[in-house]
C-alpha atoms as a PDB file:
ATOM      1  CA  MET A   1     -27.740 -44.356   3.363  1.00  0.00           C
ATOM      2  CA  SER A   2     -23.978 -44.816   2.907  1.00  0.00           C
ATOM      3  CA  ARG A   3     -21.486 -42.168   3.909  1.00  0.00           C
ATOM      4  CA  GLU A   4     -19.694 -40.166   1.247  1.00  0.00           C
ATOM      5  CA  ARG A   5     -16.002 -40.914   0.712  1.00  0.00           C
ATOM      6  CA  THR A   6     -13.170 -38.729  -0.536  1.00  0.00           C
ATOM      7  CA  ASP A   7     -11.037 -39.585  -3.580  1.00  0.00           C
ATOM      8  CA  SER A   8      -8.557 -41.292  -1.250  1.00  0.00           C
ATOM      9  CA  GLY A   9     -11.304 -43.563   0.100  1.00  0.00           C
ATOM     10  CA  GLN A  10     -11.603 -41.945   3.517  1.00  0.00           C
ATOM     11  CA  TYR A  11     -14.973 -40.894   4.846  1.00  0.00           C
ATOM     12  CA  ALA A  12     -15.723 -37.265   3.999  1.00  0.00           C
ATOM     13  CA  GLU A  13     -16.120 -34.891   6.932  1.00  0.00           C
ATOM     14  CA  THR A  14     -19.806 -34.050   7.307  1.00  0.00           C
ATOM     15  CA  VAL A  15     -19.763 -31.982  10.492  1.00  0.00           C
ATOM     16  CA  THR A  16     -17.704 -28.899   9.681  1.00  0.00           C
ATOM     17  CA  ILE A  17     -17.505 -25.707  11.716  1.00  0.00           C
ATOM     18  CA  ASP A  18     -19.366 -23.896   8.924  1.00  0.00           C
ATOM     19  CA  ARG A  19     -22.252 -26.365   9.090  1.00  0.00           C
ATOM     20  CA  VAL A  20     -22.315 -26.089  12.890  1.00  0.00           C
ATOM     21  CA  ARG A  21     -22.469 -22.286  12.595  1.00  0.00           C
ATOM     22  CA  GLN A  22     -25.487 -22.648  10.281  1.00  0.00           C
ATOM     23  CA  VAL A  23     -27.306 -24.696  12.926  1.00  0.00           C
ATOM     24  CA  PHE A  24     -26.986 -21.804  15.382  1.00  0.00           C
ATOM     25  CA  SER A  25     -29.145 -19.712  13.063  1.00  0.00           C
ATOM     26  CA  THR A  26     -31.889 -22.354  12.874  1.00  0.00           C
ATOM     27  CA  VAL A  27     -32.350 -23.276  16.554  1.00  0.00           C
ATOM     28  CA  ALA A  28     -33.887 -21.095  19.244  1.00  0.00           C
ATOM     29  CA  GLY A  29     -31.444 -19.560  21.681  1.00  0.00           C
ATOM     30  CA  PRO A  30     -27.768 -18.745  21.717  1.00  0.00           C
ATOM     31  CA  ALA A  31     -26.610 -22.317  22.476  1.00  0.00           C
ATOM     32  CA  VAL A  32     -26.961 -25.762  20.930  1.00  0.00           C
ATOM     33  CA  THR A  33     -26.677 -29.360  22.111  1.00  0.00           C
ATOM     34  CA  SER A  34     -25.241 -32.365  20.334  1.00  0.00           C
ATOM     35  CA  ALA A  35     -28.857 -33.472  19.725  1.00  0.00           C
ATOM     36  CA  ASP A  36     -29.528 -30.194  17.873  1.00  0.00           C
ATOM     37  CA  ILE A  37     -26.491 -30.750  15.648  1.00  0.00           C
ATOM     38  CA  ALA A  38     -27.342 -34.416  15.066  1.00  0.00           C
ATOM     39  CA  SER A  39     -30.919 -33.621  14.111  1.00  0.00           C
ATOM     40  CA  GLU A  40     -30.109 -30.674  11.832  1.00  0.00           C
ATOM     41  CA  LEU A  41     -27.126 -32.284  10.075  1.00  0.00           C
ATOM     42  CA  GLY A  42     -28.404 -35.853   9.886  1.00  0.00           C
ATOM     43  CA  VAL A  43     -25.545 -37.422  11.842  1.00  0.00           C
ATOM     44  CA  THR A  44     -25.452 -39.536  14.994  1.00  0.00           C
ATOM     45  CA  ALA A  45     -25.508 -37.828  18.374  1.00  0.00           C
ATOM     46  CA  GLU A  46     -22.102 -39.381  19.086  1.00  0.00           C
ATOM     47  CA  ALA A  47     -20.584 -37.923  15.896  1.00  0.00           C
ATOM     48  CA  ALA A  48     -22.063 -34.517  16.756  1.00  0.00           C
ATOM     49  CA  ARG A  49     -20.745 -34.703  20.345  1.00  0.00           C
ATOM     50  CA  ARG A  50     -17.231 -35.650  19.212  1.00  0.00           C
ATOM     51  CA  LYS A  51     -17.115 -32.826  16.680  1.00  0.00           C
ATOM     52  CA  LEU A  52     -18.508 -30.223  19.096  1.00  0.00           C
ATOM     53  CA  ASN A  53     -15.883 -31.232  21.659  1.00  0.00           C
ATOM     54  CA  GLU A  54     -13.180 -30.992  18.992  1.00  0.00           C
ATOM     55  CA  PHE A  55     -14.312 -27.480  18.051  1.00  0.00           C
ATOM     56  CA  HIS A  56     -14.441 -26.554  21.735  1.00  0.00           C
ATOM     57  CA  GLY A  57     -10.893 -27.846  22.204  1.00  0.00           C
ATOM     58  CA  ARG A  58      -9.755 -25.698  19.271  1.00  0.00           C
ATOM     59  CA  GLY A  59     -11.338 -22.589  20.849  1.00  0.00           C
ATOM     60  CA  MET A  60     -14.113 -22.247  18.263  1.00  0.00           C
ATOM     61  CA  LEU A  61     -16.972 -22.988  20.674  1.00  0.00           C
ATOM     62  CA  GLY A  62     -17.660 -22.331  24.319  1.00  0.00           C
ATOM     63  CA  LYS A  63     -19.041 -25.194  26.432  1.00  0.00           C
ATOM     64  CA  ARG A  64     -20.833 -25.647  29.750  1.00  0.00           C
ATOM     65  CA  LYS A  65     -22.572 -28.574  31.429  1.00  0.00           C
ATOM     66  CA  THR A  66     -26.074 -27.773  32.610  1.00  0.00           C
ATOM     67  CA  ALA A  67     -28.816 -30.118  33.820  1.00  0.00           C
ATOM     68  CA  GLY A  68     -26.730 -33.106  32.760  1.00  0.00           C
ATOM     69  CA  ARG A  69     -26.214 -31.844  29.196  1.00  0.00           C
ATOM     70  CA  ASN A  70     -23.427 -29.973  27.514  1.00  0.00           C
ATOM     71  CA  ILE A  71     -24.415 -26.809  25.742  1.00  0.00           C
ATOM     72  CA  TYR A  72     -22.196 -25.112  23.183  1.00  0.00           C
ATOM     73  CA  TRP A  73     -22.075 -21.551  21.890  1.00  0.00           C
ATOM     74  CA  LEU A  74     -20.077 -19.738  19.259  1.00  0.00           C
ATOM     75  CA  GLN A  75     -17.022 -17.918  20.523  1.00  0.00           C
ATOM     76  CA  PRO A  76     -16.767 -14.264  19.469  1.00  0.00           C
ATOM     77  CA  ALA A  77     -14.888 -13.952  16.168  1.00  0.00           C
ATOM     78  CA  GLY A  78     -11.938 -12.193  17.805  1.00  0.00           C
ATOM     79  CA  ASP A  79     -11.347 -15.157  20.117  1.00  0.00           C
ATOM     80  CA  VAL A  80     -10.782 -17.651  17.298  1.00  0.00           C
ATOM     81  CA  THR A  81      -7.627 -17.794  15.248  1.00  0.00           C
ATOM     82  CA  ASP A  82      -8.548 -19.067  11.802  1.00  0.00           C
ATOM     83  CA  ILE A  83      -5.922 -19.689   9.163  1.00  0.00           C
ATOM     84  CA  ASN A  84      -6.743 -18.013   5.875  1.00  0.00           C
ATOM     85  CA  PRO A  85      -5.522 -20.334   3.087  1.00  0.00           C
ATOM     86  CA  GLU A  86      -5.735 -17.390   0.650  1.00  0.00           C
ATOM     87  CA  ASP A  87      -3.071 -15.469   2.615  1.00  0.00           C
ATOM     88  CA  PRO A  88      -0.101 -14.874   0.275  1.00  0.00           C
ATOM     89  CA  VAL A  89       2.285 -16.186   2.921  1.00  0.00           C
ATOM     90  CA  TRP A  90       1.275 -19.777   2.066  1.00  0.00           C
ATOM     91  CA  GLY A  91       2.542 -19.333  -1.501  1.00  0.00           C
ATOM     92  CA  THR A  92       5.863 -17.795  -0.430  1.00  0.00           C
ATOM     93  CA  GLU A  93       8.977 -19.864  -1.047  1.00  0.00           C
ATOM     94  CA  PRO A  94      11.130 -20.426   2.046  1.00  0.00           C
ATOM     95  CA  ILE A  95      14.280 -18.348   2.336  1.00  0.00           C
ATOM     96  CA  ALA A  96      17.301 -20.596   1.895  1.00  0.00           C
ATOM     97  CA  GLY A  97      20.528 -20.252   3.810  1.00  0.00           C
ATOM     98  CA  ASP A  98      21.487 -18.819   7.157  1.00  0.00           C
ATOM     99  CA  GLU A  99      20.145 -15.332   6.480  1.00  0.00           C
ATOM    100  CA  THR A 100      18.160 -13.981   9.398  1.00  0.00           C
ATOM    101  CA  VAL A 101      15.379 -11.461   9.150  1.00  0.00           C
ATOM    102  CA  SER A 102      14.728  -8.881  11.824  1.00  0.00           C
ATOM    103  CA  GLU A 103      11.325  -8.787  13.462  1.00  0.00           C
ATOM    104  CA  ALA A 104      10.749  -5.324  12.014  1.00  0.00           C
ATOM    105  CA  ASP A 105      11.270  -6.617   8.443  1.00  0.00           C
ATOM    106  CA  ILE A 106       9.424  -9.953   8.637  1.00  0.00           C
ATOM    107  CA  ASP A 107       6.144  -8.695   7.105  1.00  0.00           C
ATOM    108  CA  ASP A 108       8.008  -7.094   4.207  1.00  0.00           C
ATOM    109  CA  VAL A 109       9.896 -10.328   3.529  1.00  0.00           C
ATOM    110  CA  LEU A 110       6.837 -12.568   3.874  1.00  0.00           C
ATOM    111  CA  TYR A 111       4.674 -10.423   1.642  1.00  0.00           C
ATOM    112  CA  GLY A 112       7.328  -9.768  -0.979  1.00  0.00           C
ATOM    113  CA  GLU A 113       7.968  -6.048  -0.512  1.00  0.00           C
ATOM    114  CA  ILE A 114      11.715  -6.628   0.034  1.00  0.00           C
ATOM    115  CA  ASN A 115      13.697  -8.692  -2.441  1.00  0.00           C
ATOM    116  CA  GLY A 116      16.000 -10.472  -0.057  1.00  0.00           C
END
């Protein structure tokens, strides 16, 4: 079975945080191993391990070594800072010039309530 590629020819990401979260609901217990991820998502154990370690490094998963294996668990939602691409701030044009904005007014400027 060949791996799926994106329009630019790069391999498509198959182990996403959303897919990893789904595995937590299918395995017994509050933690998973790279073997669990590999088996459930149909990827190699090495690919699963690399991705789990990446998510751990980004603060999305907790990790502990036990009995010679790493186990991973989901971090509580409040501990993870996700960027919401639907946030209106990403569609806001940058303010040109040397104008500074006070900390108290930044939300109003970013979300368009003040016409600066």
